[in-house]
Amino acid sequence: MAVLANFILFQLGWFACVLGASSALPWAGTGIALLIVGWHLSRAAQPRRELVLILAAGAVGLFFETLLISSGTVHYPHGVLPGGLAPHWMVALWMLFATTLNLSLAWLKRRVALAAVLGAIGGPLAYAGGAKLGALVFVHEATGLLAIGAGWALLTPLLILLARRLDGFSPALAGMESRHG
C-alpha cells in the first residue's frame, strides 16, 4: 500500500508543480510538493536517511536545472531563483522524485543499468509533458531533449546508488541503526 500511495502522491506532486508553474503560481506547486515530502518523511522508519537523500537530490536538481538554464537549453518562465538558479518548483520536483527511490522505484536498486535507460527515456518525456503544459520552454527542442536524456541517464543511476545507502524505509537498515546508535 505504501508503494502505491508513494506513486500516486508523486504524480499529484508533479502535476501540482507543473500546473502551478504554467499558471504563474509556482509557489503553490512547491508548497504541495514539500507537504508530500514532509508526509513521506513522517512515514519513514529512518527519516534522517530519507531527508539526506531528498536534500541530495534537491542539490543535484539545482545544479542540473541551473546548467540547463545557463547553457540556453531550457527557459523557465516562472519561479526562477535569484542569480539565474533553477526554479524552486523544479528543485521541489527533484526532491519529490527522491521520495520514490526507496518505495515505488526501489526495484531499480538492483538494476542500475535499467535505471540509466529509464532515466534517458523518462526524463525527456517528463520535460516534454511539462513544456506542453506551459511550465517550461525549450530553446531548441531536439537539443534540449537530448541534453535532458543524457543528464537523466547519468543522474538516475547516481540517485539510485545513493538511495541504496540512504534507505529510510528498509526494515533491515532500521534495525541495524537502532542497535548501533
N, C-alpha and C. Protein backbone atom coordinates (compact mmCIF):
# COMPACT_ATOMS: atom_id res chain seq x y z
N MET A 1 0.81 -1.19 0.00
CA MET A 1 0.00 0.00 0.00
C MET A 1 0.87 1.27 0.00
N ALA A 2 1.98 1.24 0.74
CA ALA A 2 2.87 2.40 0.79
C ALA A 2 3.45 2.71 -0.58
N VAL A 3 3.74 1.67 -1.36
CA VAL A 3 4.31 1.86 -2.69
C VAL A 3 3.29 2.56 -3.59
N LEU A 4 2.05 2.11 -3.55
CA LEU A 4 1.00 2.72 -4.37
C LEU A 4 0.75 4.16 -3.95
N ALA A 5 0.68 4.41 -2.66
CA ALA A 5 0.49 5.78 -2.17
C ALA A 5 1.64 6.67 -2.61
N ASN A 6 2.85 6.15 -2.54
CA ASN A 6 4.03 6.89 -2.97
C ASN A 6 3.94 7.26 -4.45
N PHE A 7 3.57 6.31 -5.26
CA PHE A 7 3.43 6.55 -6.70
C PHE A 7 2.37 7.61 -7.00
N ILE A 8 1.22 7.48 -6.36
CA ILE A 8 0.12 8.42 -6.59
C ILE A 8 0.49 9.82 -6.11
N LEU A 9 1.10 9.91 -4.92
CA LEU A 9 1.48 11.22 -4.40
C LEU A 9 2.55 11.88 -5.27
N PHE A 10 3.47 11.08 -5.81
CA PHE A 10 4.47 11.66 -6.72
C PHE A 10 3.77 12.26 -7.94
N GLN A 11 2.84 11.53 -8.52
CA GLN A 11 2.12 12.02 -9.70
C GLN A 11 1.35 13.30 -9.37
N LEU A 12 0.67 13.31 -8.24
CA LEU A 12 -0.06 14.52 -7.82
C LEU A 12 0.89 15.70 -7.63
N GLY A 13 2.02 15.44 -7.00
CA GLY A 13 3.02 16.49 -6.79
C GLY A 13 3.59 17.01 -8.09
N TRP A 14 3.84 16.10 -9.04
CA TRP A 14 4.36 16.51 -10.35
C TRP A 14 3.37 17.45 -11.03
N PHE A 15 2.10 17.05 -11.06
CA PHE A 15 1.09 17.90 -11.70
C PHE A 15 0.94 19.22 -10.96
N ALA A 16 0.99 19.21 -9.65
CA ALA A 16 0.88 20.45 -8.88
C ALA A 16 2.02 21.41 -9.23
N CYS A 17 3.23 20.90 -9.30
CA CYS A 17 4.37 21.76 -9.63
C CYS A 17 4.28 22.28 -11.06
N VAL A 18 4.00 21.41 -11.99
CA VAL A 18 3.96 21.80 -13.41
C VAL A 18 2.79 22.74 -13.68
N LEU A 19 1.62 22.40 -13.19
CA LEU A 19 0.46 23.26 -13.42
C LEU A 19 0.57 24.57 -12.66
N GLY A 20 1.16 24.52 -11.47
CA GLY A 20 1.41 25.76 -10.73
C GLY A 20 2.34 26.69 -11.50
N ALA A 21 3.41 26.13 -12.05
CA ALA A 21 4.36 26.94 -12.82
C ALA A 21 3.71 27.47 -14.10
N SER A 22 2.94 26.64 -14.76
CA SER A 22 2.33 27.08 -16.01
C SER A 22 1.22 28.11 -15.78
N SER A 23 0.70 28.20 -14.56
CA SER A 23 -0.34 29.17 -14.23
C SER A 23 0.21 30.39 -13.50
N ALA A 24 1.53 30.54 -13.52
CA ALA A 24 2.21 31.65 -12.84
C ALA A 24 1.98 31.60 -11.32
N LEU A 25 1.80 30.39 -10.79
CA LEU A 25 1.66 30.17 -9.34
C LEU A 25 2.65 29.10 -8.89
N PRO A 26 3.94 29.30 -9.16
CA PRO A 26 4.90 28.24 -8.87
C PRO A 26 5.00 27.88 -7.40
N TRP A 27 4.73 28.84 -6.50
CA TRP A 27 4.83 28.53 -5.07
C TRP A 27 3.77 27.53 -4.62
N ALA A 28 2.64 27.52 -5.32
CA ALA A 28 1.59 26.56 -4.96
C ALA A 28 2.09 25.12 -5.16
N GLY A 29 2.69 24.86 -6.31
CA GLY A 29 3.23 23.53 -6.57
C GLY A 29 4.36 23.17 -5.62
N THR A 30 5.23 24.14 -5.36
CA THR A 30 6.34 23.89 -4.44
C THR A 30 5.80 23.54 -3.06
N GLY A 31 4.79 24.28 -2.61
CA GLY A 31 4.20 24.01 -1.30
C GLY A 31 3.59 22.62 -1.21
N ILE A 32 2.87 22.24 -2.26
CA ILE A 32 2.26 20.90 -2.27
C ILE A 32 3.34 19.82 -2.28
N ALA A 33 4.38 20.02 -3.09
CA ALA A 33 5.48 19.05 -3.14
C ALA A 33 6.14 18.91 -1.77
N LEU A 34 6.36 20.03 -1.10
CA LEU A 34 7.01 19.97 0.22
C LEU A 34 6.11 19.32 1.26
N LEU A 35 4.79 19.51 1.13
CA LEU A 35 3.87 18.80 2.04
C LEU A 35 3.97 17.29 1.81
N ILE A 36 4.05 16.86 0.56
CA ILE A 36 4.19 15.44 0.25
C ILE A 36 5.51 14.91 0.79
N VAL A 37 6.58 15.68 0.63
CA VAL A 37 7.89 15.27 1.16
C VAL A 37 7.81 15.13 2.68
N GLY A 38 7.16 16.08 3.35
CA GLY A 38 7.00 16.00 4.80
C GLY A 38 6.22 14.78 5.23
N TRP A 39 5.14 14.48 4.52
CA TRP A 39 4.35 13.28 4.81
C TRP A 39 5.20 12.03 4.62
N HIS A 40 5.97 12.01 3.52
CA HIS A 40 6.87 10.88 3.23
C HIS A 40 7.85 10.68 4.39
N LEU A 41 8.44 11.75 4.86
CA LEU A 41 9.41 11.65 5.96
C LEU A 41 8.74 11.15 7.24
N SER A 42 7.50 11.55 7.46
CA SER A 42 6.79 11.11 8.67
C SER A 42 6.51 9.61 8.65
N ARG A 43 6.55 8.99 7.48
CA ARG A 43 6.29 7.56 7.33
C ARG A 43 7.57 6.71 7.36
N ALA A 44 8.71 7.35 7.25
CA ALA A 44 9.98 6.61 7.16
C ALA A 44 10.38 6.05 8.52
N ALA A 45 10.94 4.83 8.50
CA ALA A 45 11.49 4.23 9.71
C ALA A 45 12.73 5.01 10.17
N GLN A 46 13.49 5.50 9.20
CA GLN A 46 14.69 6.29 9.47
C GLN A 46 14.59 7.60 8.68
N PRO A 47 13.84 8.56 9.21
CA PRO A 47 13.60 9.80 8.46
C PRO A 47 14.86 10.59 8.15
N ARG A 48 15.88 10.51 8.99
CA ARG A 48 17.11 11.25 8.70
C ARG A 48 17.78 10.76 7.43
N ARG A 49 17.79 9.45 7.23
CA ARG A 49 18.36 8.88 6.00
C ARG A 49 17.59 9.41 4.78
N GLU A 50 16.28 9.35 4.85
CA GLU A 50 15.45 9.83 3.74
C GLU A 50 15.67 11.33 3.52
N LEU A 51 15.78 12.09 4.58
CA LEU A 51 15.98 13.53 4.46
C LEU A 51 17.30 13.83 3.74
N VAL A 52 18.35 13.12 4.10
CA VAL A 52 19.65 13.34 3.44
C VAL A 52 19.53 13.01 1.95
N LEU A 53 18.86 11.91 1.64
CA LEU A 53 18.64 11.54 0.23
C LEU A 53 17.86 12.62 -0.50
N ILE A 54 16.79 13.10 0.10
CA ILE A 54 15.94 14.12 -0.51
C ILE A 54 16.70 15.41 -0.72
N LEU A 55 17.48 15.83 0.27
CA LEU A 55 18.27 17.05 0.14
C LEU A 55 19.37 16.90 -0.91
N ALA A 56 19.97 15.72 -0.98
CA ALA A 56 20.99 15.46 -2.01
C ALA A 56 20.37 15.53 -3.40
N ALA A 57 19.19 14.95 -3.55
CA ALA A 57 18.51 15.01 -4.85
C ALA A 57 18.14 16.45 -5.19
N GLY A 58 17.74 17.23 -4.21
CA GLY A 58 17.46 18.64 -4.44
C GLY A 58 18.70 19.39 -4.91
N ALA A 59 19.84 19.09 -4.30
CA ALA A 59 21.10 19.74 -4.71
C ALA A 59 21.48 19.32 -6.13
N VAL A 60 21.33 18.04 -6.45
CA VAL A 60 21.61 17.55 -7.80
C VAL A 60 20.70 18.26 -8.80
N GLY A 61 19.42 18.35 -8.45
CA GLY A 61 18.45 19.02 -9.32
C GLY A 61 18.76 20.50 -9.50
N LEU A 62 19.13 21.17 -8.43
CA LEU A 62 19.50 22.58 -8.51
C LEU A 62 20.66 22.76 -9.48
N PHE A 63 21.67 21.92 -9.37
CA PHE A 63 22.83 22.00 -10.26
C PHE A 63 22.43 21.72 -11.71
N PHE A 64 21.71 20.61 -11.93
CA PHE A 64 21.36 20.20 -13.30
C PHE A 64 20.45 21.22 -13.97
N GLU A 65 19.43 21.67 -13.27
CA GLU A 65 18.50 22.63 -13.86
C GLU A 65 19.17 23.97 -14.12
N THR A 66 20.05 24.39 -13.22
CA THR A 66 20.80 25.63 -13.44
C THR A 66 21.71 25.49 -14.65
N LEU A 67 22.29 24.32 -14.83
CA LEU A 67 23.11 24.05 -16.01
C LEU A 67 22.28 24.13 -17.28
N LEU A 68 21.08 23.58 -17.25
CA LEU A 68 20.19 23.66 -18.42
C LEU A 68 19.85 25.11 -18.76
N ILE A 69 19.61 25.92 -17.72
CA ILE A 69 19.29 27.33 -17.94
C ILE A 69 20.50 28.07 -18.49
N SER A 70 21.64 27.91 -17.83
CA SER A 70 22.84 28.67 -18.23
C SER A 70 23.37 28.26 -19.60
N SER A 71 23.08 27.03 -20.02
CA SER A 71 23.52 26.59 -21.35
C SER A 71 22.54 27.03 -22.44
N GLY A 72 21.44 27.63 -22.04
CA GLY A 72 20.46 28.08 -23.01
C GLY A 72 19.61 26.96 -23.57
N THR A 73 19.54 25.85 -22.86
CA THR A 73 18.78 24.69 -23.32
C THR A 73 17.29 24.84 -23.02
N VAL A 74 16.99 25.34 -21.81
CA VAL A 74 15.62 25.43 -21.34
C VAL A 74 15.40 26.81 -20.74
N HIS A 75 14.19 27.31 -20.89
CA HIS A 75 13.78 28.57 -20.25
C HIS A 75 12.57 28.27 -19.37
N TYR A 76 12.64 28.74 -18.13
CA TYR A 76 11.53 28.58 -17.20
C TYR A 76 10.90 29.96 -16.97
N PRO A 77 9.65 30.14 -17.40
CA PRO A 77 9.02 31.45 -17.25
C PRO A 77 8.75 31.88 -15.80
N HIS A 78 8.58 30.92 -14.88
CA HIS A 78 8.18 31.28 -13.51
C HIS A 78 8.98 30.50 -12.47
N GLY A 79 9.26 31.19 -11.36
CA GLY A 79 9.85 30.54 -10.20
C GLY A 79 11.36 30.44 -10.20
N VAL A 80 12.03 31.10 -11.15
CA VAL A 80 13.49 31.03 -11.19
C VAL A 80 14.05 31.77 -9.98
N LEU A 81 15.00 31.15 -9.33
CA LEU A 81 15.60 31.73 -8.13
C LEU A 81 16.59 32.83 -8.52
N PRO A 82 16.91 33.72 -7.61
CA PRO A 82 17.87 34.80 -7.91
C PRO A 82 19.20 34.25 -8.42
N GLY A 83 19.83 35.01 -9.30
CA GLY A 83 21.12 34.63 -9.84
C GLY A 83 21.01 33.63 -10.99
N GLY A 84 19.82 33.46 -11.53
CA GLY A 84 19.64 32.53 -12.63
C GLY A 84 19.66 31.07 -12.21
N LEU A 85 19.46 30.84 -10.91
CA LEU A 85 19.42 29.45 -10.43
C LEU A 85 18.10 28.80 -10.84
N ALA A 86 18.08 27.50 -10.77
CA ALA A 86 16.91 26.70 -11.15
C ALA A 86 15.66 27.18 -10.42
N PRO A 87 14.50 27.00 -11.05
CA PRO A 87 13.25 27.35 -10.36
C PRO A 87 13.04 26.49 -9.12
N HIS A 88 12.51 27.12 -8.09
CA HIS A 88 12.27 26.39 -6.84
C HIS A 88 11.33 25.21 -7.05
N TRP A 89 10.38 25.34 -7.95
CA TRP A 89 9.44 24.24 -8.17
C TRP A 89 10.11 23.05 -8.83
N MET A 90 11.15 23.29 -9.65
CA MET A 90 11.91 22.17 -10.24
C MET A 90 12.76 21.49 -9.17
N VAL A 91 13.36 22.26 -8.29
CA VAL A 91 14.13 21.67 -7.19
C VAL A 91 13.18 20.83 -6.32
N ALA A 92 11.98 21.35 -6.08
CA ALA A 92 10.99 20.59 -5.31
C ALA A 92 10.63 19.29 -6.03
N LEU A 93 10.56 19.33 -7.36
CA LEU A 93 10.27 18.10 -8.12
C LEU A 93 11.39 17.08 -7.96
N TRP A 94 12.63 17.51 -7.97
CA TRP A 94 13.75 16.59 -7.75
C TRP A 94 13.66 15.97 -6.36
N MET A 95 13.30 16.78 -5.38
CA MET A 95 13.14 16.25 -4.03
C MET A 95 11.97 15.26 -3.97
N LEU A 96 10.92 15.60 -4.67
CA LEU A 96 9.76 14.70 -4.75
C LEU A 96 10.14 13.40 -5.43
N PHE A 97 10.94 13.48 -6.50
CA PHE A 97 11.41 12.27 -7.18
C PHE A 97 12.18 11.38 -6.20
N ALA A 98 12.97 11.99 -5.33
CA ALA A 98 13.75 11.21 -4.36
C ALA A 98 12.86 10.40 -3.43
N THR A 99 11.63 10.85 -3.20
CA THR A 99 10.73 10.09 -2.33
C THR A 99 10.33 8.76 -2.95
N THR A 100 10.50 8.61 -4.25
CA THR A 100 10.14 7.36 -4.93
C THR A 100 11.26 6.33 -4.90
N LEU A 101 12.49 6.77 -4.63
CA LEU A 101 13.65 5.90 -4.81
C LEU A 101 13.68 4.70 -3.87
N ASN A 102 13.16 4.85 -2.67
CA ASN A 102 13.15 3.74 -1.71
C ASN A 102 11.77 3.10 -1.55
N LEU A 103 10.83 3.53 -2.38
CA LEU A 103 9.50 2.92 -2.33
C LEU A 103 9.09 2.46 -3.72
N SER A 104 8.42 3.31 -4.49
CA SER A 104 7.88 2.83 -5.77
C SER A 104 8.96 2.54 -6.81
N LEU A 105 10.15 3.08 -6.66
CA LEU A 105 11.25 2.75 -7.59
C LEU A 105 12.34 1.90 -6.93
N ALA A 106 12.08 1.36 -5.76
CA ALA A 106 13.09 0.55 -5.04
C ALA A 106 13.54 -0.64 -5.86
N TRP A 107 12.69 -1.16 -6.72
CA TRP A 107 13.05 -2.32 -7.55
C TRP A 107 14.20 -2.01 -8.51
N LEU A 108 14.49 -0.72 -8.74
CA LEU A 108 15.61 -0.35 -9.62
C LEU A 108 16.97 -0.44 -8.93
N LYS A 109 16.99 -0.60 -7.62
CA LYS A 109 18.27 -0.62 -6.90
C LYS A 109 19.19 -1.75 -7.35
N ARG A 110 18.64 -2.82 -7.85
CA ARG A 110 19.45 -3.93 -8.35
C ARG A 110 19.56 -3.90 -9.87
N ARG A 111 19.06 -2.86 -10.48
CA ARG A 111 19.05 -2.74 -11.94
C ARG A 111 19.53 -1.35 -12.34
N VAL A 112 20.76 -1.03 -12.00
CA VAL A 112 21.29 0.31 -12.22
C VAL A 112 21.35 0.64 -13.71
N ALA A 113 21.71 -0.33 -14.55
CA ALA A 113 21.75 -0.07 -15.99
C ALA A 113 20.35 0.26 -16.51
N LEU A 114 19.36 -0.45 -16.02
CA LEU A 114 17.98 -0.17 -16.42
C LEU A 114 17.57 1.22 -15.93
N ALA A 115 18.05 1.62 -14.76
CA ALA A 115 17.77 2.97 -14.25
C ALA A 115 18.28 4.02 -15.23
N ALA A 116 19.45 3.77 -15.81
CA ALA A 116 20.01 4.71 -16.80
C ALA A 116 19.12 4.78 -18.03
N VAL A 117 18.67 3.65 -18.50
CA VAL A 117 17.80 3.61 -19.68
C VAL A 117 16.48 4.33 -19.38
N LEU A 118 15.88 4.02 -18.24
CA LEU A 118 14.62 4.66 -17.88
C LEU A 118 14.79 6.16 -17.67
N GLY A 119 15.92 6.56 -17.11
CA GLY A 119 16.20 7.99 -16.96
C GLY A 119 16.32 8.68 -18.31
N ALA A 120 17.01 8.01 -19.24
CA ALA A 120 17.21 8.58 -20.58
C ALA A 120 15.89 8.74 -21.33
N ILE A 121 14.92 7.90 -21.02
CA ILE A 121 13.61 7.96 -21.68
C ILE A 121 12.62 8.81 -20.87
N GLY A 122 12.52 8.50 -19.58
CA GLY A 122 11.54 9.16 -18.72
C GLY A 122 11.81 10.63 -18.48
N GLY A 123 13.08 11.00 -18.34
CA GLY A 123 13.42 12.41 -18.13
C GLY A 123 12.89 13.29 -19.26
N PRO A 124 13.29 13.01 -20.50
CA PRO A 124 12.79 13.84 -21.61
C PRO A 124 11.26 13.81 -21.75
N LEU A 125 10.64 12.66 -21.48
CA LEU A 125 9.18 12.60 -21.57
C LEU A 125 8.52 13.53 -20.53
N ALA A 126 9.06 13.54 -19.33
CA ALA A 126 8.51 14.41 -18.28
C ALA A 126 8.67 15.88 -18.65
N TYR A 127 9.84 16.24 -19.16
CA TYR A 127 10.07 17.63 -19.55
C TYR A 127 9.21 18.02 -20.74
N ALA A 128 9.05 17.11 -21.70
CA ALA A 128 8.19 17.38 -22.86
C ALA A 128 6.75 17.59 -22.39
N GLY A 129 6.31 16.78 -21.43
CA GLY A 129 4.97 16.97 -20.87
C GLY A 129 4.85 18.32 -20.18
N GLY A 130 5.87 18.68 -19.42
CA GLY A 130 5.88 19.99 -18.76
C GLY A 130 5.85 21.13 -19.75
N ALA A 131 6.57 20.98 -20.86
CA ALA A 131 6.58 22.01 -21.91
C ALA A 131 5.20 22.12 -22.56
N LYS A 132 4.58 21.00 -22.82
CA LYS A 132 3.23 21.01 -23.44
C LYS A 132 2.22 21.71 -22.52
N LEU A 133 2.42 21.58 -21.22
CA LEU A 133 1.52 22.22 -20.26
C LEU A 133 1.90 23.68 -19.99
N GLY A 134 3.02 24.14 -20.54
CA GLY A 134 3.42 25.54 -20.42
C GLY A 134 4.32 25.89 -19.26
N ALA A 135 4.90 24.89 -18.59
CA ALA A 135 5.76 25.16 -17.43
C ALA A 135 7.19 25.52 -17.82
N LEU A 136 7.61 25.12 -19.02
CA LEU A 136 8.96 25.41 -19.49
C LEU A 136 8.93 25.54 -21.00
N VAL A 137 10.01 26.12 -21.51
CA VAL A 137 10.15 26.30 -22.95
C VAL A 137 11.51 25.78 -23.36
N PHE A 138 11.54 24.95 -24.39
CA PHE A 138 12.81 24.51 -24.96
C PHE A 138 13.32 25.58 -25.91
N VAL A 139 14.57 25.97 -25.76
CA VAL A 139 15.15 26.93 -26.69
C VAL A 139 15.33 26.24 -28.04
N HIS A 140 15.86 25.04 -28.03
CA HIS A 140 15.94 24.16 -29.21
C HIS A 140 15.48 22.79 -28.72
N GLU A 141 14.29 22.40 -29.11
CA GLU A 141 13.65 21.22 -28.51
C GLU A 141 14.49 19.95 -28.65
N ALA A 142 14.97 19.64 -29.85
CA ALA A 142 15.72 18.39 -30.05
C ALA A 142 16.99 18.37 -29.20
N THR A 143 17.72 19.47 -29.21
CA THR A 143 18.95 19.56 -28.41
C THR A 143 18.63 19.47 -26.93
N GLY A 144 17.56 20.14 -26.53
CA GLY A 144 17.17 20.13 -25.13
C GLY A 144 16.79 18.74 -24.65
N LEU A 145 16.01 18.03 -25.46
CA LEU A 145 15.62 16.68 -25.08
C LEU A 145 16.81 15.74 -25.03
N LEU A 146 17.76 15.91 -25.94
CA LEU A 146 18.98 15.08 -25.90
C LEU A 146 19.80 15.37 -24.65
N ALA A 147 19.95 16.64 -24.32
CA ALA A 147 20.72 17.02 -23.12
C ALA A 147 20.04 16.49 -21.85
N ILE A 148 18.73 16.61 -21.80
CA ILE A 148 17.98 16.12 -20.64
C ILE A 148 18.09 14.61 -20.55
N GLY A 149 17.96 13.93 -21.68
CA GLY A 149 18.09 12.47 -21.69
C GLY A 149 19.45 12.02 -21.20
N ALA A 150 20.50 12.69 -21.68
CA ALA A 150 21.86 12.34 -21.25
C ALA A 150 22.04 12.60 -19.76
N GLY A 151 21.54 13.73 -19.30
CA GLY A 151 21.65 14.06 -17.88
C GLY A 151 20.93 13.07 -17.00
N TRP A 152 19.70 12.74 -17.36
CA TRP A 152 18.93 11.79 -16.56
C TRP A 152 19.49 10.38 -16.67
N ALA A 153 20.12 10.05 -17.79
CA ALA A 153 20.76 8.73 -17.91
C ALA A 153 21.91 8.60 -16.92
N LEU A 154 22.56 9.69 -16.60
CA LEU A 154 23.66 9.68 -15.62
C LEU A 154 23.15 9.86 -14.19
N LEU A 155 22.19 10.76 -14.02
CA LEU A 155 21.77 11.12 -12.68
C LEU A 155 20.81 10.12 -12.04
N THR A 156 20.00 9.45 -12.82
CA THR A 156 19.09 8.45 -12.23
C THR A 156 19.87 7.32 -11.56
N PRO A 157 20.85 6.70 -12.23
CA PRO A 157 21.63 5.67 -11.53
C PRO A 157 22.38 6.23 -10.31
N LEU A 158 22.89 7.45 -10.42
CA LEU A 158 23.58 8.06 -9.29
C LEU A 158 22.63 8.16 -8.09
N LEU A 159 21.41 8.62 -8.32
CA LEU A 159 20.45 8.74 -7.23
C LEU A 159 20.01 7.38 -6.72
N ILE A 160 19.90 6.41 -7.60
CA ILE A 160 19.56 5.04 -7.19
C ILE A 160 20.65 4.48 -6.27
N LEU A 161 21.91 4.67 -6.66
CA LEU A 161 23.02 4.19 -5.82
C LEU A 161 23.03 4.91 -4.48
N LEU A 162 22.73 6.19 -4.49
CA LEU A 162 22.66 6.94 -3.24
C LEU A 162 21.52 6.42 -2.37
N ALA A 163 20.41 6.07 -3.00
CA ALA A 163 19.26 5.54 -2.26
C ALA A 163 19.58 4.20 -1.60
N ARG A 164 20.48 3.43 -2.19
CA ARG A 164 20.90 2.17 -1.55
C ARG A 164 21.50 2.44 -0.18
N ARG A 165 22.27 3.52 -0.08
CA ARG A 165 22.96 3.86 1.17
C ARG A 165 22.05 4.63 2.13
N LEU A 166 21.08 5.32 1.59
CA LEU A 166 20.23 6.19 2.40
C LEU A 166 18.78 5.74 2.33
N ASP A 167 18.56 4.51 2.69
CA ASP A 167 17.22 3.93 2.64
C ASP A 167 16.58 4.05 4.01
N GLY A 168 15.66 4.97 4.13
CA GLY A 168 14.97 5.16 5.40
C GLY A 168 13.75 4.28 5.57
N PHE A 169 13.49 3.40 4.60
CA PHE A 169 12.32 2.53 4.67
C PHE A 169 12.67 1.06 4.84
N SER A 170 13.91 0.70 4.67
CA SER A 170 14.31 -0.70 4.78
C SER A 170 14.28 -1.14 6.24
N PRO A 171 13.48 -2.17 6.55
CA PRO A 171 13.43 -2.67 7.93
C PRO A 171 14.79 -3.16 8.41
N ALA A 172 15.59 -3.75 7.52
CA ALA A 172 16.90 -4.26 7.93
C ALA A 172 17.80 -3.11 8.37
N LEU A 173 17.80 -2.01 7.61
CA LEU A 173 18.62 -0.86 7.98
C LEU A 173 18.12 -0.22 9.26
N ALA A 174 16.81 -0.13 9.42
CA ALA A 174 16.25 0.47 10.62
C ALA A 174 16.67 -0.33 11.86
N GLY A 175 16.65 -1.65 11.75
CA GLY A 175 17.06 -2.49 12.86
C GLY A 175 18.53 -2.33 13.19
N MET A 176 19.37 -2.26 12.16
CA MET A 176 20.81 -2.08 12.36
C MET A 176 21.09 -0.75 13.05
N GLU A 177 20.43 0.31 12.59
CA GLU A 177 20.69 1.62 13.18
C GLU A 177 20.25 1.70 14.63
N SER A 178 19.14 1.04 14.96
CA SER A 178 18.69 1.10 16.35
C SER A 178 19.62 0.32 17.27
N ARG A 179 20.32 -0.70 16.73
CA ARG A 179 21.29 -1.45 17.53
C ARG A 179 22.61 -0.72 17.65
N HIS A 180 22.96 0.08 16.63
CA HIS A 180 24.27 0.72 16.60
C HIS A 180 24.21 2.21 16.90
N GLY A 181 23.12 2.70 17.32
CA GLY A 181 23.04 4.10 17.70
C GLY A 181 22.52 4.93 16.65
